[in-house]
């Protein structure tokens, strides 16, 4: 049982060492991720339509 108690004490100590990002950093990185995902979605959509048209032209 002492092994488990010691483990949780060590976990508590390690959690104190974490440097959490500020609200501004979190909002900034979240914004960057959302913009990147939207840009990639548009890009992949355009590539998908283009390849579909090329295949349609070749086959039909």
C-alpha atoms as a PDB file:
ATOM      1  CA  UNK A   1       0.000   0.000   0.000  1.00  0.00           C
ATOM      2  CA  UNK A   2       2.880   2.343   0.733  1.00  0.00           C
ATOM      3  CA  UNK A   3       4.064   1.899  -2.847  1.00  0.00           C
ATOM      4  CA  UNK A   4       0.800   3.413  -4.111  1.00  0.00           C
ATOM      5  CA  UNK A   5       0.892   6.282  -1.634  1.00  0.00           C
ATOM      6  CA  UNK A   6       4.462   7.072  -2.668  1.00  0.00           C
ATOM      7  CA  UNK A   7       3.466   6.950  -6.330  1.00  0.00           C
ATOM      8  CA  UNK A   8       0.684   9.505  -5.857  1.00  0.00           C
ATOM      9  CA  UNK A   9       2.987  11.778  -3.832  1.00  0.00           C
ATOM     10  CA  UNK A  10       5.462  11.717  -6.710  1.00  0.00           C
ATOM     11  CA  UNK A  11       2.698  12.428  -9.194  1.00  0.00           C
ATOM     12  CA  UNK A  12       1.614  15.425  -7.127  1.00  0.00           C
ATOM     13  CA  UNK A  13       5.190  16.741  -7.070  1.00  0.00           C
ATOM     14  CA  UNK A  14       5.572  16.313 -10.839  1.00  0.00           C
ATOM     15  CA  UNK A  15       2.291  18.133 -11.480  1.00  0.00           C
ATOM     16  CA  UNK A  16       3.676  21.135  -9.592  1.00  0.00           C
ATOM     17  CA  UNK A  17       6.552  21.333 -12.117  1.00  0.00           C
ATOM     18  CA  UNK A  18       4.254  21.732 -15.115  1.00  0.00           C
ATOM     19  CA  UNK A  19       4.259  25.162 -16.736  1.00  0.00           C
ATOM     20  CA  UNK A  20       0.718  25.663 -17.999  1.00  0.00           C
ATOM     21  CA  UNK A  21       0.169  28.003 -20.968  1.00  0.00           C
ATOM     22  CA  UNK A  22      -1.562  31.303 -20.406  1.00  0.00           C
ATOM     23  CA  UNK A  23      -5.040  31.992 -21.740  1.00  0.00           C
ATOM     24  CA  UNK A  24      -3.595  34.140 -24.554  1.00  0.00           C
ATOM     25  CA  UNK A  25      -1.186  31.379 -25.612  1.00  0.00           C
ATOM     26  CA  UNK A  26      -3.992  28.824 -25.601  1.00  0.00           C
ATOM     27  CA  UNK A  27      -6.313  31.036 -27.649  1.00  0.00           C
ATOM     28  CA  UNK A  28      -3.483  31.850 -30.087  1.00  0.00           C
ATOM     29  CA  UNK A  29      -2.457  28.273 -30.716  1.00  0.00           C
ATOM     30  CA  UNK A  30      -6.085  27.148 -30.973  1.00  0.00           C
ATOM     31  CA  UNK A  31      -6.718  29.843 -33.586  1.00  0.00           C
ATOM     32  CA  UNK A  32      -3.691  28.731 -35.592  1.00  0.00           C
ATOM     33  CA  UNK A  33      -4.831  25.113 -35.499  1.00  0.00           C
ATOM     34  CA  UNK A  34      -8.380  25.966 -36.601  1.00  0.00           C
ATOM     35  CA  UNK A  35      -7.120  28.114 -39.486  1.00  0.00           C
ATOM     36  CA  UNK A  36      -4.677  25.392 -40.568  1.00  0.00           C
ATOM     37  CA  UNK A  37      -7.422  22.754 -40.517  1.00  0.00           C
ATOM     38  CA  UNK A  38      -9.727  24.949 -42.601  1.00  0.00           C
ATOM     39  CA  UNK A  39      -6.974  25.675 -45.155  1.00  0.00           C
ATOM     40  CA  UNK A  40      -6.136  21.978 -45.427  1.00  0.00           C
ATOM     41  CA  UNK A  41      -9.828  21.064 -45.816  1.00  0.00           C
ATOM     42  CA  UNK A  42     -10.216  23.522 -48.690  1.00  0.00           C
ATOM     43  CA  UNK A  43      -6.986  22.323 -50.300  1.00  0.00           C
ATOM     44  CA  UNK A  44      -7.942  18.654 -50.068  1.00  0.00           C
ATOM     45  CA  UNK A  45     -11.434  19.445 -51.363  1.00  0.00           C
ATOM     46  CA  UNK A  46      -9.980  21.201 -54.423  1.00  0.00           C
ATOM     47  CA  UNK A  47      -7.540  18.350 -55.064  1.00  0.00           C
ATOM     48  CA  UNK A  48     -10.366  15.820 -54.704  1.00  0.00           C
ATOM     49  CA  UNK A  49     -12.583  17.635 -57.204  1.00  0.00           C
ATOM     50  CA  UNK A  50      -9.681  18.085 -59.638  1.00  0.00           C
ATOM     51  CA  UNK A  51      -8.685  14.426 -59.496  1.00  0.00           C
ATOM     52  CA  UNK A  52     -12.317  13.376 -59.877  1.00  0.00           C
ATOM     53  CA  UNK A  53     -12.631  15.503 -63.019  1.00  0.00           C
ATOM     54  CA  UNK A  54      -9.380  14.090 -64.424  1.00  0.00           C
ATOM     55  CA  UNK A  55     -10.506  10.489 -63.810  1.00  0.00           C
ATOM     56  CA  UNK A  56     -13.938  11.285 -65.261  1.00  0.00           C
ATOM     57  CA  UNK A  57     -12.281  12.750 -68.371  1.00  0.00           C
ATOM     58  CA  UNK A  58     -10.001   9.705 -68.798  1.00  0.00           C
ATOM     59  CA  UNK A  59     -12.711   7.101 -68.223  1.00  0.00           C
ATOM     60  CA  UNK A  60     -15.651   8.809 -69.876  1.00  0.00           C
END
